[in-house]
Amino acid sequence: MLSCVALSPAPPSAGDAPGRTRSARQTRDRLARAALELFTTRGFHGTTTPLIAARAGVAEGTIYRHFPSKEELFNEVFRAAVRALAEPLKGANPEWPCRARLDFVADRWVATAKHEPTLVRLVFSQTFADVLDERSRTALRDLHGQIEQTIAAGKSSGVVRRGGADLWADVWLKLMLLVLERVAAGTWQPGDPATTQVRQAAWDAIQAEAEPPAPDGAPLPNRAAGERS
């Protein structure tokens, strides 16, 4: 799927011919794909530039014509992966109910975990936290923020329980990450009962509780101040 994950193109040099620009972009994409596969199997520090070059089928010096450093290559690939995972959030119709929007995102994330597990491993692993630059950290916060906004809209419409939308975004993501990790590992499949059950649990964990009926039609007591949203 990194073929669908557009890296930010390098600025063209004056006089670059279209064919040369296209070739440079293809080389850049090969380096990104090779780096993604190696970073998610060997880790950042276990991945050397000679390994990346060999996997991409280019000379090591070619890397530095496209990326100033291994760190910059990592962060370019990381941000491209975040953009890919953010696409379903942008594609979900804001008029849909909260549950439908979250299901839309979950469906596409699970499909990504199945077909492009390296993207899920890269973006959601804590292993790479110390390698992220400020732009990558911002991109990751924005991804979380979009989930939070979706849940905040559900809270406003009364379908998400009381409490901070940031808290419920964390809860939903934690359970979804269990699904994504298992599917990416091949332990679960998208349609397995376990996948369905945990996805349902993610929604149940944040869903507003129905008000219990008052006995014999008596009014319910007022909530304590600490229970207000």
Protein backbone atom coordinates (compact mmCIF):
# COMPACT_ATOMS: atom_id res chain seq x y z
CA MET A 1 0.00 0.00 0.00
CA LEU A 2 2.94 2.35 0.13
CA SER A 3 2.32 2.71 -3.59
CA CYS A 4 -0.90 4.36 -2.37
CA VAL A 5 0.95 6.28 0.34
CA ALA A 6 2.37 9.33 -1.32
CA LEU A 7 5.66 10.52 0.06
CA SER A 8 6.16 14.24 -0.08
CA PRO A 9 7.96 14.71 -3.40
CA ALA A 10 11.44 16.13 -3.35
CA PRO A 11 11.57 19.61 -4.88
CA PRO A 12 12.60 19.33 -8.55
CA SER A 13 15.88 20.81 -9.66
CA ALA A 14 15.89 23.45 -12.37
CA GLY A 15 15.98 21.84 -15.78
CA ASP A 16 14.80 18.40 -14.62
CA ALA A 17 13.20 16.56 -17.52
CA PRO A 18 9.79 14.89 -16.90
CA GLY A 19 11.30 11.42 -17.41
CA ARG A 20 14.06 12.11 -14.93
CA THR A 21 11.56 13.43 -12.39
CA ARG A 22 9.41 10.32 -12.80
CA SER A 23 12.44 8.06 -12.39
CA ALA A 24 13.51 9.94 -9.27
CA ARG A 25 10.04 9.55 -7.79
CA GLN A 26 10.08 5.81 -8.51
CA THR A 27 13.47 5.49 -6.82
CA ARG A 28 12.20 7.46 -3.84
CA ASP A 29 9.19 5.17 -3.58
CA ARG A 30 11.40 2.05 -3.76
CA LEU A 31 13.54 3.42 -0.95
CA ALA A 32 10.42 4.17 1.10
CA ARG A 33 9.03 0.67 0.60
CA ALA A 34 12.37 -0.94 1.47
CA ALA A 35 12.75 1.26 4.55
CA LEU A 36 9.20 0.52 5.73
CA GLU A 37 9.75 -3.23 5.52
CA LEU A 38 13.11 -3.07 7.29
CA PHE A 39 12.16 -0.60 10.02
CA THR A 40 9.14 -2.75 10.98
CA THR A 41 11.09 -6.01 11.06
CA ARG A 42 14.57 -4.98 12.25
CA GLY A 43 13.76 -1.78 14.13
CA PHE A 44 15.19 1.66 13.50
CA HIS A 45 18.64 1.02 14.94
CA GLY A 46 18.88 -2.44 13.37
CA THR A 47 18.20 -1.00 9.93
CA THR A 48 21.28 0.40 8.22
CA THR A 49 21.43 2.47 5.06
CA PRO A 50 23.35 -0.31 3.22
CA LEU A 51 20.48 -2.68 4.04
CA ILE A 52 17.90 -0.19 2.77
CA ALA A 53 19.87 0.39 -0.42
CA ALA A 54 20.29 -3.33 -1.03
CA ARG A 55 16.58 -3.98 -0.49
CA ALA A 56 15.70 -1.13 -2.87
CA GLY A 57 18.25 -2.26 -5.44
CA VAL A 58 20.21 0.99 -5.49
CA ALA A 59 23.62 2.19 -4.36
CA GLU A 60 23.83 3.47 -0.79
CA GLY A 61 24.73 6.96 -1.99
CA THR A 62 21.38 7.15 -3.78
CA ILE A 63 19.62 7.37 -0.43
CA TYR A 64 21.35 10.65 0.35
CA ARG A 65 20.29 12.16 -2.97
CA HIS A 66 16.70 11.80 -1.79
CA PHE A 67 16.91 12.04 2.00
CA PRO A 68 19.42 13.95 4.13
CA SER A 69 19.66 11.15 6.70
CA LYS A 70 18.20 7.83 7.83
CA GLU A 71 16.16 9.75 10.41
CA GLU A 72 14.63 11.93 7.71
CA LEU A 73 13.83 8.88 5.59
CA PHE A 74 12.15 7.23 8.58
CA ASN A 75 10.04 10.30 9.34
CA GLU A 76 9.00 10.77 5.71
CA VAL A 77 7.81 7.15 5.62
CA PHE A 78 6.12 7.51 9.00
CA ARG A 79 4.15 10.59 7.93
CA ALA A 80 3.13 8.89 4.69
CA ALA A 81 1.79 5.95 6.70
CA VAL A 82 -0.13 8.30 9.01
CA ARG A 83 -1.67 10.02 5.98
CA ALA A 84 -2.83 6.64 4.68
CA LEU A 85 -4.49 5.78 8.00
CA ALA A 86 -6.08 9.23 8.20
CA GLU A 87 -7.81 8.84 4.82
CA PRO A 88 -10.81 6.90 6.20
CA LEU A 89 -11.37 9.60 8.81
CA LYS A 90 -11.54 12.17 6.05
CA GLY A 91 -13.74 9.90 3.95
CA ALA A 92 -16.34 9.23 6.64
CA ASN A 93 -19.44 11.35 6.04
CA PRO A 94 -19.76 13.83 8.93
CA GLU A 95 -23.55 13.43 8.69
CA TRP A 96 -23.29 9.75 9.64
CA PRO A 97 -23.91 8.72 13.25
CA CYS A 98 -20.80 8.33 15.41
CA ARG A 99 -20.99 4.51 15.39
CA ALA A 100 -21.21 4.41 11.58
CA ARG A 101 -18.21 6.72 11.22
CA LEU A 102 -16.11 4.68 13.63
CA ASP A 103 -17.13 1.46 11.88
CA PHE A 104 -16.14 2.98 8.53
CA VAL A 105 -12.69 3.79 9.92
CA ALA A 106 -12.35 0.42 11.65
CA ASP A 107 -13.29 -1.50 8.47
CA ARG A 108 -10.56 0.23 6.51
CA TRP A 109 -7.94 -0.01 9.24
CA VAL A 110 -8.58 -3.73 9.62
CA ALA A 111 -8.26 -4.18 5.84
CA THR A 112 -4.96 -2.28 5.99
CA ALA A 113 -3.75 -4.49 8.84
CA LYS A 114 -4.58 -7.51 6.70
CA HIS A 115 -3.02 -6.37 3.43
CA GLU A 116 -0.37 -3.86 4.57
CA PRO A 117 0.52 -4.82 8.15
CA THR A 118 3.74 -2.80 8.08
CA LEU A 119 1.75 0.45 8.06
CA VAL A 120 -0.07 -0.49 11.25
CA ARG A 121 3.13 -1.67 12.93
CA LEU A 122 4.95 1.53 12.05
CA VAL A 123 2.30 4.04 13.12
CA PHE A 124 0.98 2.41 16.27
CA SER A 125 4.20 0.98 17.74
CA GLN A 126 5.72 2.74 20.74
CA THR A 127 9.10 1.41 19.65
CA PHE A 128 9.70 4.37 17.36
CA ALA A 129 8.59 7.15 19.72
CA ASP A 130 12.11 8.46 20.27
CA VAL A 131 12.79 8.64 16.52
CA LEU A 132 9.82 10.84 15.62
CA ASP A 133 10.55 14.43 14.72
CA GLU A 134 8.17 17.26 15.54
CA ARG A 135 6.29 17.02 12.23
CA SER A 136 5.72 13.30 12.76
CA ARG A 137 4.56 13.81 16.34
CA THR A 138 2.16 16.48 15.11
CA ALA A 139 0.82 14.16 12.41
CA LEU A 140 0.21 11.43 15.00
CA ARG A 141 -1.54 13.88 17.35
CA ASP A 142 -3.73 15.04 14.46
CA LEU A 143 -4.71 11.45 13.70
CA HIS A 144 -5.72 10.94 17.32
CA GLY A 145 -7.48 14.32 17.26
CA GLN A 146 -9.66 13.26 14.35
CA ILE A 147 -10.82 10.20 16.30
CA GLU A 148 -11.45 12.46 19.28
CA GLN A 149 -13.54 14.85 17.17
CA THR A 150 -15.67 11.97 15.88
CA ILE A 151 -16.28 10.77 19.43
CA ALA A 152 -16.96 14.32 20.65
CA ALA A 153 -19.69 14.59 18.00
CA GLY A 154 -21.16 11.34 19.31
CA LYS A 155 -21.05 12.69 22.83
CA SER A 156 -22.88 15.84 21.71
CA SER A 157 -25.61 13.71 20.12
CA GLY A 158 -25.97 11.64 23.29
CA VAL A 159 -24.66 8.30 22.02
CA VAL A 160 -21.26 8.46 23.78
CA ARG A 161 -21.06 8.32 27.55
CA ARG A 162 -20.13 11.19 29.84
CA GLY A 163 -16.46 12.01 30.21
CA GLY A 164 -13.77 13.59 28.12
CA ALA A 165 -13.77 12.75 24.42
CA ASP A 166 -9.99 12.35 24.68
CA LEU A 167 -10.47 9.60 27.27
CA TRP A 168 -12.97 7.68 25.14
CA ALA A 169 -10.81 8.13 22.06
CA ASP A 170 -7.98 6.45 24.00
CA VAL A 171 -10.27 3.62 25.12
CA TRP A 172 -11.62 3.00 21.60
CA LEU A 173 -8.13 3.09 20.11
CA LYS A 174 -6.68 0.71 22.71
CA LEU A 175 -9.25 -1.94 21.87
CA MET A 176 -8.96 -1.32 18.15
CA LEU A 177 -5.19 -1.68 18.40
CA LEU A 178 -5.67 -5.17 19.84
CA VAL A 179 -7.63 -6.05 16.69
CA LEU A 180 -5.12 -4.40 14.36
CA GLU A 181 -2.13 -6.08 16.01
CA ARG A 182 -3.74 -9.54 15.85
CA VAL A 183 -4.86 -9.11 12.24
CA ALA A 184 -1.45 -7.71 11.22
CA ALA A 185 0.19 -10.75 12.83
CA GLY A 186 -2.17 -13.11 11.01
CA THR A 187 -3.52 -14.47 14.30
CA TRP A 188 -7.00 -13.13 13.55
CA GLN A 189 -8.79 -12.50 10.27
CA PRO A 190 -11.06 -9.50 9.61
CA GLY A 191 -14.23 -11.60 9.80
CA ASP A 192 -13.27 -13.78 12.77
CA PRO A 193 -15.61 -13.84 15.78
CA ALA A 194 -12.81 -12.49 18.00
CA THR A 195 -12.32 -9.52 15.66
CA THR A 196 -16.04 -8.78 15.67
CA GLN A 197 -16.31 -9.18 19.45
CA VAL A 198 -13.46 -6.82 20.25
CA ARG A 199 -14.72 -4.25 17.77
CA GLN A 200 -18.10 -4.43 19.47
CA ALA A 201 -16.40 -4.13 22.85
CA ALA A 202 -14.65 -0.96 21.65
CA TRP A 203 -18.04 0.61 20.94
CA ASP A 204 -19.68 -0.77 24.09
CA ALA A 205 -16.88 0.78 26.17
CA ILE A 206 -17.73 4.30 25.03
CA GLN A 207 -21.45 4.00 24.34
CA ALA A 208 -23.78 6.04 26.53
CA GLU A 209 -25.67 3.98 29.05
CA ALA A 210 -29.43 3.97 28.81
CA GLU A 211 -31.16 5.67 31.70
CA PRO A 212 -32.64 3.04 34.04
CA PRO A 213 -36.40 3.28 34.30
CA ALA A 214 -37.72 4.88 37.46
CA PRO A 215 -39.74 2.48 39.64
CA ASP A 216 -43.49 2.98 39.32
CA GLY A 217 -42.98 6.09 37.22
CA ALA A 218 -41.23 7.96 40.05
CA PRO A 219 -38.71 10.60 38.92
CA LEU A 220 -35.06 9.67 39.13
CA PRO A 221 -32.93 11.56 41.67
CA ASN A 222 -30.67 14.32 40.43
CA ARG A 223 -27.11 13.31 39.61
CA ALA A 224 -24.29 14.47 41.79
CA ALA A 225 -22.28 17.34 40.39
CA GLY A 226 -19.31 15.05 39.79
CA GLU A 227 -21.39 12.92 37.38
CA ARG A 228 -22.15 15.73 34.98
CA SER A 229 -20.59 15.68 31.53
